[in-house]
Amino acid sequence: MSKSNYYDLLGIPKSATKQQIRKAYRTKAKEFHPDVNGPFNSHMHFLLLKQAYETLMDANMRHVYDMALISNSEQVLTYAQWKEIERRKIQEIEAVAHEAFLTKRALFQQSNYFKSAKILLYIAPIFSYLFAILILFSCVWIMWQYHFMFIFLFLPFLSLSIFLILATPKWIREAKRYF
C-alpha cells in the first residue's frame, strides 16, 4: 500500500472530480477497513486513505497538496497552512450564517408582525418582571405567615421567579437583534 501520493493511493487521476474521489475512497475503504481486513496494520492504511480523502475533497487543502507535489517537498501541509485553511473555512461559515441572519431579519422587518412584535418587546419584559416578583413575594409571604418549611413546597416557584428575573435581560438582548 505504499504509494507515492494521495492520487495513486486512491487510484484516481489528478483531475478527478469530487464524485470520483468519493467513489474511489469508498472502494478502497471497503478493501482496507480494519473490521474487514485481517492484517494488524490495516488501521494505518485506513487512516492514510481517510487523510487522502479529506485532503482531496477540500479545495483549499487539495490546492496546497498539489503545490507541494509540484515542488516535490517532503512536508505536505505545515501547521501554519492548516491553520490558515481552517481560519478561512470558519470565516466562510460565519459569513454564510451572518448573511442568512440578515436575510431573515430583513424579511421579518418587512412583515406585518414587525410593529406588534416591537411593542411586545417593550411590554413583555415588564410583565415578566412583575410576574417573577409576584411569585417571589407570594411564596415568601406564605412562608412568613405559616411556616418556613413551606420552602420545600414552593422551591419550584422560587426557582421560576429567579429564572425569570435572570433570563429576561438575555431574552431582550436576543430580541433586539431583530429590530
N, C-alpha and C. Protein backbone atom coordinates (compact mmCIF):
# COMPACT_ATOMS: atom_id res chain seq x y z
N MET A 1 0.82 -1.19 0.00
CA MET A 1 0.00 0.00 0.00
C MET A 1 0.85 1.25 0.00
N SER A 2 2.14 1.14 -0.17
CA SER A 2 2.98 2.33 -0.19
C SER A 2 2.89 2.98 -1.56
N LYS A 3 2.18 4.05 -1.66
CA LYS A 3 2.01 4.81 -2.89
C LYS A 3 2.72 6.14 -2.73
N SER A 4 3.07 6.75 -3.86
CA SER A 4 3.86 7.97 -3.79
C SER A 4 3.03 9.20 -3.43
N ASN A 5 1.75 9.21 -3.78
CA ASN A 5 0.92 10.35 -3.41
C ASN A 5 -0.52 9.90 -3.20
N TYR A 6 -1.35 10.86 -2.81
CA TYR A 6 -2.75 10.53 -2.49
C TYR A 6 -3.53 10.10 -3.73
N TYR A 7 -3.19 10.65 -4.88
CA TYR A 7 -3.90 10.26 -6.09
C TYR A 7 -3.63 8.79 -6.42
N ASP A 8 -2.35 8.38 -6.31
CA ASP A 8 -2.01 6.98 -6.55
C ASP A 8 -2.62 6.08 -5.48
N LEU A 9 -2.67 6.57 -4.26
CA LEU A 9 -3.24 5.80 -3.16
C LEU A 9 -4.70 5.46 -3.43
N LEU A 10 -5.44 6.45 -3.92
CA LEU A 10 -6.85 6.23 -4.22
C LEU A 10 -7.06 5.66 -5.62
N GLY A 11 -6.03 5.69 -6.46
CA GLY A 11 -6.14 5.16 -7.82
C GLY A 11 -6.97 6.05 -8.73
N ILE A 12 -6.77 7.36 -8.62
CA ILE A 12 -7.53 8.31 -9.43
C ILE A 12 -6.56 9.25 -10.14
N PRO A 13 -7.01 9.88 -11.24
CA PRO A 13 -6.15 10.87 -11.89
C PRO A 13 -6.14 12.19 -11.11
N LYS A 14 -5.17 13.05 -11.41
CA LYS A 14 -5.06 14.32 -10.68
C LYS A 14 -6.20 15.27 -11.02
N SER A 15 -6.90 15.02 -12.10
CA SER A 15 -8.03 15.88 -12.48
C SER A 15 -9.37 15.30 -12.04
N ALA A 16 -9.36 14.42 -11.09
CA ALA A 16 -10.58 13.74 -10.64
C ALA A 16 -11.55 14.71 -9.98
N THR A 17 -12.83 14.45 -10.19
CA THR A 17 -13.87 15.27 -9.56
C THR A 17 -14.15 14.74 -8.16
N LYS A 18 -14.96 15.49 -7.42
CA LYS A 18 -15.30 15.06 -6.06
C LYS A 18 -16.06 13.74 -6.05
N GLN A 19 -16.92 13.53 -7.05
CA GLN A 19 -17.65 12.27 -7.12
C GLN A 19 -16.70 11.10 -7.37
N GLN A 20 -15.70 11.30 -8.24
CA GLN A 20 -14.74 10.24 -8.50
C GLN A 20 -13.89 9.96 -7.25
N ILE A 21 -13.51 11.01 -6.54
CA ILE A 21 -12.74 10.84 -5.32
C ILE A 21 -13.56 10.07 -4.28
N ARG A 22 -14.83 10.45 -4.13
CA ARG A 22 -15.71 9.79 -3.16
C ARG A 22 -15.89 8.31 -3.50
N LYS A 23 -16.08 8.01 -4.80
CA LYS A 23 -16.27 6.62 -5.22
C LYS A 23 -15.00 5.81 -4.98
N ALA A 24 -13.85 6.37 -5.33
CA ALA A 24 -12.58 5.66 -5.12
C ALA A 24 -12.32 5.44 -3.64
N TYR A 25 -12.64 6.45 -2.81
CA TYR A 25 -12.44 6.30 -1.37
C TYR A 25 -13.31 5.19 -0.81
N ARG A 26 -14.55 5.15 -1.22
CA ARG A 26 -15.45 4.11 -0.70
C ARG A 26 -14.97 2.72 -1.10
N THR A 27 -14.50 2.60 -2.33
CA THR A 27 -13.99 1.31 -2.80
C THR A 27 -12.78 0.87 -1.98
N LYS A 28 -11.82 1.78 -1.82
CA LYS A 28 -10.60 1.46 -1.07
C LYS A 28 -10.91 1.27 0.42
N ALA A 29 -11.84 2.03 0.94
CA ALA A 29 -12.18 1.91 2.36
C ALA A 29 -12.77 0.54 2.65
N LYS A 30 -13.57 0.04 1.74
CA LYS A 30 -14.12 -1.32 1.93
C LYS A 30 -12.99 -2.35 1.91
N GLU A 31 -12.00 -2.09 1.07
CA GLU A 31 -10.90 -3.04 0.94
C GLU A 31 -9.98 -3.03 2.15
N PHE A 32 -9.72 -1.85 2.71
CA PHE A 32 -8.74 -1.73 3.79
C PHE A 32 -9.35 -1.41 5.15
N HIS A 33 -10.63 -1.56 5.30
CA HIS A 33 -11.25 -1.26 6.59
C HIS A 33 -10.76 -2.26 7.64
N PRO A 34 -10.41 -1.77 8.84
CA PRO A 34 -9.86 -2.66 9.88
C PRO A 34 -10.79 -3.79 10.31
N ASP A 35 -12.09 -3.58 10.22
CA ASP A 35 -13.03 -4.62 10.62
C ASP A 35 -13.09 -5.75 9.59
N VAL A 36 -12.77 -5.42 8.34
CA VAL A 36 -12.86 -6.41 7.28
C VAL A 36 -11.49 -7.02 6.98
N ASN A 37 -10.48 -6.18 7.01
CA ASN A 37 -9.15 -6.61 6.62
C ASN A 37 -8.45 -7.30 7.79
N GLY A 38 -7.72 -8.34 7.50
CA GLY A 38 -7.09 -9.14 8.53
C GLY A 38 -5.79 -8.62 9.11
N PRO A 39 -4.89 -8.02 8.32
CA PRO A 39 -3.58 -7.65 8.86
C PRO A 39 -3.68 -6.68 10.03
N PHE A 40 -2.67 -6.77 10.90
CA PHE A 40 -2.70 -5.96 12.11
C PHE A 40 -2.51 -4.48 11.83
N ASN A 41 -1.90 -4.10 10.71
CA ASN A 41 -1.67 -2.68 10.43
C ASN A 41 -2.67 -2.11 9.43
N SER A 42 -3.79 -2.78 9.25
CA SER A 42 -4.79 -2.27 8.30
C SER A 42 -5.37 -0.95 8.76
N HIS A 43 -5.39 -0.69 10.06
CA HIS A 43 -5.92 0.59 10.54
C HIS A 43 -5.05 1.75 10.07
N MET A 44 -3.74 1.53 9.92
CA MET A 44 -2.86 2.58 9.42
C MET A 44 -3.15 2.88 7.95
N HIS A 45 -3.40 1.82 7.18
CA HIS A 45 -3.76 2.02 5.78
C HIS A 45 -5.08 2.77 5.67
N PHE A 46 -6.00 2.40 6.53
CA PHE A 46 -7.31 3.06 6.51
C PHE A 46 -7.18 4.54 6.88
N LEU A 47 -6.34 4.85 7.87
CA LEU A 47 -6.14 6.25 8.25
C LEU A 47 -5.48 7.03 7.12
N LEU A 48 -4.56 6.43 6.40
CA LEU A 48 -3.97 7.09 5.24
C LEU A 48 -5.02 7.38 4.17
N LEU A 49 -5.89 6.40 3.93
CA LEU A 49 -6.98 6.61 2.98
C LEU A 49 -7.88 7.77 3.42
N LYS A 50 -8.19 7.80 4.69
CA LYS A 50 -9.05 8.86 5.21
C LYS A 50 -8.38 10.22 5.06
N GLN A 51 -7.08 10.28 5.36
CA GLN A 51 -6.35 11.55 5.21
C GLN A 51 -6.31 11.97 3.75
N ALA A 52 -6.10 11.02 2.85
CA ALA A 52 -6.09 11.34 1.42
C ALA A 52 -7.46 11.86 0.98
N TYR A 53 -8.51 11.21 1.44
CA TYR A 53 -9.87 11.63 1.07
C TYR A 53 -10.17 13.03 1.57
N GLU A 54 -9.87 13.30 2.84
CA GLU A 54 -10.15 14.62 3.41
C GLU A 54 -9.34 15.70 2.72
N THR A 55 -8.10 15.40 2.36
CA THR A 55 -7.25 16.39 1.70
C THR A 55 -7.76 16.69 0.30
N LEU A 56 -8.12 15.66 -0.44
CA LEU A 56 -8.53 15.87 -1.82
C LEU A 56 -9.95 16.41 -1.95
N MET A 57 -10.80 16.20 -0.96
CA MET A 57 -12.17 16.71 -1.03
C MET A 57 -12.25 18.20 -0.72
N ASP A 58 -11.35 18.71 0.10
CA ASP A 58 -11.34 20.13 0.44
C ASP A 58 -10.53 20.86 -0.62
N ALA A 59 -11.13 21.86 -1.26
CA ALA A 59 -10.47 22.57 -2.36
C ALA A 59 -9.19 23.27 -1.91
N ASN A 60 -9.23 23.90 -0.74
CA ASN A 60 -8.03 24.59 -0.25
C ASN A 60 -6.90 23.62 0.04
N MET A 61 -7.21 22.55 0.75
CA MET A 61 -6.18 21.58 1.09
C MET A 61 -5.66 20.87 -0.16
N ARG A 62 -6.53 20.64 -1.12
CA ARG A 62 -6.10 19.99 -2.36
C ARG A 62 -5.14 20.89 -3.12
N HIS A 63 -5.43 22.18 -3.15
CA HIS A 63 -4.53 23.12 -3.84
C HIS A 63 -3.16 23.13 -3.17
N VAL A 64 -3.12 23.19 -1.86
CA VAL A 64 -1.85 23.18 -1.14
C VAL A 64 -1.11 21.87 -1.40
N TYR A 65 -1.85 20.76 -1.40
CA TYR A 65 -1.23 19.46 -1.65
C TYR A 65 -0.66 19.39 -3.07
N ASP A 66 -1.41 19.90 -4.05
CA ASP A 66 -0.92 19.89 -5.43
C ASP A 66 0.33 20.75 -5.57
N MET A 67 0.37 21.89 -4.88
CA MET A 67 1.57 22.73 -4.92
C MET A 67 2.76 22.01 -4.29
N ALA A 68 2.50 21.26 -3.22
CA ALA A 68 3.58 20.51 -2.58
C ALA A 68 4.07 19.39 -3.50
N LEU A 69 3.18 18.77 -4.28
CA LEU A 69 3.59 17.74 -5.22
C LEU A 69 4.45 18.32 -6.34
N ILE A 70 4.07 19.51 -6.80
CA ILE A 70 4.84 20.14 -7.87
C ILE A 70 6.25 20.48 -7.40
N SER A 71 6.36 20.98 -6.17
CA SER A 71 7.67 21.37 -5.67
C SER A 71 8.44 20.19 -5.07
N ASN A 72 7.84 18.99 -5.09
CA ASN A 72 8.46 17.77 -4.55
C ASN A 72 8.91 17.93 -3.11
N SER A 73 8.14 18.64 -2.32
CA SER A 73 8.51 18.81 -0.92
C SER A 73 8.06 17.61 -0.12
N GLU A 74 8.82 17.32 0.93
CA GLU A 74 8.51 16.19 1.79
C GLU A 74 7.31 16.50 2.68
N GLN A 75 7.27 17.73 3.19
CA GLN A 75 6.20 18.11 4.11
C GLN A 75 5.00 18.55 3.30
N VAL A 76 3.90 17.84 3.44
CA VAL A 76 2.73 18.11 2.63
C VAL A 76 1.98 19.33 3.12
N LEU A 77 1.73 19.44 4.40
CA LEU A 77 0.92 20.52 4.93
C LEU A 77 1.49 20.94 6.28
N THR A 78 1.96 22.17 6.36
CA THR A 78 2.51 22.65 7.62
C THR A 78 1.37 23.09 8.52
N TYR A 79 1.70 23.28 9.79
CA TYR A 79 0.68 23.71 10.74
C TYR A 79 0.14 25.08 10.37
N ALA A 80 1.00 25.99 9.94
CA ALA A 80 0.55 27.33 9.57
C ALA A 80 -0.40 27.28 8.38
N GLN A 81 -0.10 26.42 7.41
CA GLN A 81 -1.00 26.28 6.26
C GLN A 81 -2.34 25.70 6.70
N TRP A 82 -2.29 24.68 7.53
CA TRP A 82 -3.53 24.08 8.02
C TRP A 82 -4.35 25.09 8.80
N LYS A 83 -3.66 25.87 9.64
CA LYS A 83 -4.35 26.87 10.45
C LYS A 83 -5.01 27.93 9.57
N GLU A 84 -4.32 28.33 8.52
CA GLU A 84 -4.88 29.32 7.59
C GLU A 84 -6.11 28.75 6.87
N ILE A 85 -6.03 27.51 6.46
CA ILE A 85 -7.16 26.87 5.79
C ILE A 85 -8.36 26.78 6.72
N GLU A 86 -8.13 26.38 7.96
CA GLU A 86 -9.22 26.28 8.94
C GLU A 86 -9.81 27.65 9.24
N ARG A 87 -8.94 28.68 9.31
CA ARG A 87 -9.43 30.03 9.57
C ARG A 87 -10.33 30.50 8.42
N ARG A 88 -9.94 30.20 7.19
CA ARG A 88 -10.76 30.57 6.03
C ARG A 88 -12.10 29.84 6.05
N LYS A 89 -12.07 28.56 6.40
CA LYS A 89 -13.32 27.80 6.49
C LYS A 89 -14.27 28.42 7.50
N ILE A 90 -13.72 28.76 8.67
CA ILE A 90 -14.55 29.35 9.73
C ILE A 90 -15.11 30.69 9.28
N GLN A 91 -14.30 31.50 8.61
CA GLN A 91 -14.79 32.79 8.12
C GLN A 91 -15.89 32.60 7.09
N GLU A 92 -15.74 31.61 6.21
CA GLU A 92 -16.78 31.35 5.21
C GLU A 92 -18.08 30.92 5.87
N ILE A 93 -17.99 30.04 6.85
CA ILE A 93 -19.18 29.56 7.56
C ILE A 93 -19.85 30.71 8.29
N GLU A 94 -19.06 31.56 8.97
CA GLU A 94 -19.62 32.69 9.68
C GLU A 94 -20.26 33.69 8.72
N ALA A 95 -19.63 33.90 7.57
CA ALA A 95 -20.20 34.84 6.59
C ALA A 95 -21.54 34.33 6.07
N VAL A 96 -21.63 33.04 5.81
CA VAL A 96 -22.89 32.47 5.33
C VAL A 96 -23.97 32.58 6.41
N ALA A 97 -23.60 32.27 7.65
CA ALA A 97 -24.57 32.36 8.74
C ALA A 97 -25.03 33.81 8.95
N HIS A 98 -24.10 34.75 8.85
CA HIS A 98 -24.47 36.16 9.03
C HIS A 98 -25.38 36.64 7.90
N GLU A 99 -25.09 36.23 6.68
CA GLU A 99 -25.96 36.60 5.55
C GLU A 99 -27.36 36.01 5.73
N ALA A 100 -27.44 34.78 6.20
CA ALA A 100 -28.75 34.16 6.44
C ALA A 100 -29.50 34.93 7.52
N PHE A 101 -28.79 35.34 8.58
CA PHE A 101 -29.43 36.12 9.64
C PHE A 101 -29.93 37.45 9.11
N LEU A 102 -29.11 38.14 8.32
CA LEU A 102 -29.53 39.43 7.77
C LEU A 102 -30.74 39.29 6.86
N THR A 103 -30.78 38.22 6.10
CA THR A 103 -31.93 37.97 5.23
C THR A 103 -33.19 37.74 6.05
N LYS A 104 -33.08 36.90 7.09
CA LYS A 104 -34.24 36.65 7.95
C LYS A 104 -34.70 37.92 8.65
N ARG A 105 -33.74 38.73 9.11
CA ARG A 105 -34.10 39.97 9.79
C ARG A 105 -34.80 40.93 8.84
N ALA A 106 -34.31 41.04 7.61
CA ALA A 106 -34.95 41.92 6.63
C ALA A 106 -36.37 41.45 6.32
N LEU A 107 -36.55 40.14 6.18
CA LEU A 107 -37.90 39.62 5.92
C LEU A 107 -38.83 39.89 7.10
N PHE A 108 -38.31 39.73 8.31
CA PHE A 108 -39.13 39.98 9.49
C PHE A 108 -39.50 41.46 9.59
N GLN A 109 -38.56 42.33 9.30
CA GLN A 109 -38.84 43.76 9.40
C GLN A 109 -39.83 44.23 8.35
N GLN A 110 -39.98 43.48 7.26
CA GLN A 110 -40.95 43.83 6.24
C GLN A 110 -42.30 43.18 6.45
N SER A 111 -42.39 42.28 7.42
CA SER A 111 -43.64 41.55 7.65
C SER A 111 -44.64 42.41 8.40
N ASN A 112 -45.88 41.94 8.45
CA ASN A 112 -46.96 42.64 9.14
C ASN A 112 -46.83 42.55 10.66
N TYR A 113 -46.04 41.61 11.14
CA TYR A 113 -45.91 41.38 12.57
C TYR A 113 -44.85 42.25 13.23
N PHE A 114 -44.12 43.01 12.45
CA PHE A 114 -42.98 43.75 12.98
C PHE A 114 -43.39 44.77 14.04
N LYS A 115 -44.41 45.58 13.75
CA LYS A 115 -44.82 46.63 14.70
C LYS A 115 -45.35 46.03 16.01
N SER A 116 -46.21 45.01 15.89
CA SER A 116 -46.75 44.40 17.11
C SER A 116 -45.65 43.70 17.90
N ALA A 117 -44.69 43.10 17.21
CA ALA A 117 -43.59 42.45 17.92
C ALA A 117 -42.70 43.48 18.61
N LYS A 118 -42.53 44.63 18.00
CA LYS A 118 -41.71 45.67 18.61
C LYS A 118 -42.39 46.21 19.87
N ILE A 119 -43.70 46.33 19.83
CA ILE A 119 -44.44 46.77 21.03
C ILE A 119 -44.32 45.72 22.13
N LEU A 120 -44.47 44.46 21.74
CA LEU A 120 -44.34 43.38 22.72
C LEU A 120 -42.94 43.29 23.30
N LEU A 121 -41.96 43.70 22.53
CA LEU A 121 -40.58 43.68 23.03
C LEU A 121 -40.44 44.57 24.25
N TYR A 122 -41.17 45.65 24.31
CA TYR A 122 -41.08 46.54 25.46
C TYR A 122 -42.08 46.21 26.56
N ILE A 123 -43.19 45.57 26.21
CA ILE A 123 -44.20 45.25 27.22
C ILE A 123 -43.90 43.92 27.91
N ALA A 124 -43.44 42.93 27.17
CA ALA A 124 -43.22 41.58 27.73
C ALA A 124 -42.23 41.56 28.88
N PRO A 125 -41.11 42.26 28.83
CA PRO A 125 -40.21 42.23 29.98
C PRO A 125 -40.84 42.79 31.25
N ILE A 126 -41.67 43.79 31.10
CA ILE A 126 -42.34 44.37 32.27
C ILE A 126 -43.23 43.31 32.92
N PHE A 127 -44.01 42.61 32.11
CA PHE A 127 -44.87 41.56 32.64
C PHE A 127 -44.04 40.41 33.22
N SER A 128 -42.94 40.10 32.58
CA SER A 128 -42.09 39.03 33.08
C SER A 128 -41.53 39.38 34.45
N TYR A 129 -41.02 40.60 34.59
CA TYR A 129 -40.51 41.03 35.89
C TYR A 129 -41.60 41.08 36.95
N LEU A 130 -42.77 41.62 36.59
CA LEU A 130 -43.88 41.69 37.55
C LEU A 130 -44.34 40.30 37.98
N PHE A 131 -44.44 39.39 37.03
CA PHE A 131 -44.84 38.02 37.35
C PHE A 131 -43.82 37.35 38.27
N ALA A 132 -42.55 37.55 38.00
CA ALA A 132 -41.50 36.96 38.83
C ALA A 132 -41.54 37.53 40.24
N ILE A 133 -41.71 38.83 40.35
CA ILE A 133 -41.76 39.47 41.67
C ILE A 133 -43.01 39.03 42.43
N LEU A 134 -44.14 38.90 41.71
CA LEU A 134 -45.38 38.44 42.35
C LEU A 134 -45.19 37.02 42.89
N ILE A 135 -44.62 36.14 42.13
CA ILE A 135 -44.38 34.77 42.60
C ILE A 135 -43.44 34.78 43.80
N LEU A 136 -42.38 35.52 43.70
CA LEU A 136 -41.38 35.55 44.76
C LEU A 136 -41.98 36.06 46.08
N PHE A 137 -42.65 37.18 46.01
CA PHE A 137 -43.23 37.75 47.24
C PHE A 137 -44.39 36.92 47.78
N SER A 138 -45.16 36.29 46.90
CA SER A 138 -46.24 35.42 47.37
C SER A 138 -45.67 34.24 48.15
N CYS A 139 -44.65 33.63 47.61
CA CYS A 139 -44.04 32.49 48.30
C CYS A 139 -43.42 32.91 49.63
N VAL A 140 -42.73 34.03 49.62
CA VAL A 140 -42.11 34.50 50.85
C VAL A 140 -43.17 34.86 51.88
N TRP A 141 -44.24 35.50 51.46
CA TRP A 141 -45.31 35.90 52.38
C TRP A 141 -45.97 34.66 52.99
N ILE A 142 -46.27 33.64 52.16
CA ILE A 142 -46.90 32.43 52.70
C ILE A 142 -45.96 31.72 53.68
N MET A 143 -44.68 31.67 53.34
CA MET A 143 -43.73 31.04 54.26
C MET A 143 -43.62 31.84 55.56
N TRP A 144 -43.67 33.15 55.48
CA TRP A 144 -43.58 34.01 56.67
C TRP A 144 -44.81 33.85 57.56
N GLN A 145 -45.99 33.75 56.93
CA GLN A 145 -47.24 33.68 57.66
C GLN A 145 -47.44 32.31 58.33
N TYR A 146 -47.09 31.25 57.62
CA TYR A 146 -47.43 29.93 58.13
C TYR A 146 -46.22 29.20 58.73
N HIS A 147 -45.30 28.83 57.88
CA HIS A 147 -44.14 28.13 58.41
C HIS A 147 -43.04 28.16 57.35
N PHE A 148 -41.82 28.25 57.81
CA PHE A 148 -40.69 28.33 56.89
C PHE A 148 -40.48 27.01 56.14
N MET A 149 -41.01 25.92 56.64
CA MET A 149 -40.85 24.61 55.99
C MET A 149 -41.60 24.53 54.66
N PHE A 150 -42.45 25.50 54.37
CA PHE A 150 -43.13 25.54 53.08
C PHE A 150 -42.15 25.81 51.93
N ILE A 151 -40.92 26.14 52.27
CA ILE A 151 -39.93 26.40 51.23
C ILE A 151 -39.76 25.19 50.31
N PHE A 152 -39.89 23.99 50.86
CA PHE A 152 -39.77 22.79 50.04
C PHE A 152 -40.92 22.68 49.05
N LEU A 153 -42.08 23.14 49.46
CA LEU A 153 -43.24 23.13 48.58
C LEU A 153 -43.13 24.21 47.52
N PHE A 154 -42.57 25.35 47.88
CA PHE A 154 -42.50 26.50 46.96
C PHE A 154 -41.17 26.60 46.22
N LEU A 155 -40.30 25.67 46.39
CA LEU A 155 -39.00 25.73 45.74
C LEU A 155 -39.08 25.81 44.21
N PRO A 156 -39.96 25.07 43.56
CA PRO A 156 -40.06 25.23 42.10
C PRO A 156 -40.53 26.62 41.69
N PHE A 157 -41.44 27.19 42.46
CA PHE A 157 -41.93 28.54 42.14
C PHE A 157 -40.85 29.59 42.39
N LEU A 158 -40.10 29.41 43.45
CA LEU A 158 -39.00 30.34 43.73
C LEU A 158 -37.94 30.25 42.62
N SER A 159 -37.67 29.04 42.19
CA SER A 159 -36.70 28.86 41.10
C SER A 159 -37.20 29.51 39.82
N LEU A 160 -38.49 29.37 39.54
CA LEU A 160 -39.07 30.01 38.36
C LEU A 160 -38.94 31.52 38.43
N SER A 161 -39.23 32.09 39.57
CA SER A 161 -39.15 33.54 39.68
C SER A 161 -37.71 34.03 39.52
N ILE A 162 -36.75 33.32 40.09
CA ILE A 162 -35.35 33.70 39.93
C ILE A 162 -34.92 33.54 38.48
N PHE A 163 -35.37 32.48 37.84
CA PHE A 163 -35.05 32.28 36.43
C PHE A 163 -35.60 33.42 35.58
N LEU A 164 -36.84 33.79 35.81
CA LEU A 164 -37.43 34.89 35.03
C LEU A 164 -36.67 36.19 35.23
N ILE A 165 -36.27 36.46 36.45
CA ILE A 165 -35.53 37.69 36.72
C ILE A 165 -34.17 37.69 36.01
N LEU A 166 -33.50 36.56 36.00
CA LEU A 166 -32.18 36.49 35.40
C LEU A 166 -32.21 36.33 33.88
N ALA A 167 -33.22 35.66 33.34
CA ALA A 167 -33.25 35.37 31.91
C ALA A 167 -33.87 36.47 31.07
N THR A 168 -34.70 37.30 31.65
CA THR A 168 -35.37 38.34 30.87
C THR A 168 -34.40 39.28 30.16
N PRO A 169 -33.33 39.77 30.78
CA PRO A 169 -32.40 40.63 30.03
C PRO A 169 -31.76 39.92 28.84
N LYS A 170 -31.49 38.63 28.97
CA LYS A 170 -30.92 37.88 27.85
C LYS A 170 -31.92 37.78 26.70
N TRP A 171 -33.19 37.56 27.04
CA TRP A 171 -34.21 37.49 26.01
C TRP A 171 -34.33 38.83 25.28
N ILE A 172 -34.26 39.90 26.05
CA ILE A 172 -34.38 41.24 25.46
C ILE A 172 -33.23 41.48 24.49
N ARG A 173 -32.00 41.15 24.91
CA ARG A 173 -30.83 41.36 24.04
C ARG A 173 -30.97 40.55 22.75
N GLU A 174 -31.43 39.32 22.87
CA GLU A 174 -31.59 38.46 21.68
C GLU A 174 -32.69 39.00 20.76
N ALA A 175 -33.77 39.48 21.34
CA ALA A 175 -34.88 40.01 20.53
C ALA A 175 -34.50 41.31 19.83
N LYS A 176 -33.68 42.12 20.49
CA LYS A 176 -33.29 43.41 19.91
C LYS A 176 -32.41 43.23 18.66
N ARG A 177 -31.81 42.08 18.50
CA ARG A 177 -31.02 41.83 17.28
C ARG A 177 -31.88 41.92 16.03
N TYR A 178 -33.17 41.64 16.17
CA TYR A 178 -34.05 41.65 15.01
C TYR A 178 -34.67 43.04 14.76
N PHE A 179 -34.41 44.01 15.63
CA PHE A 179 -35.03 45.32 15.48
C PHE A 179 -34.05 46.37 15.12
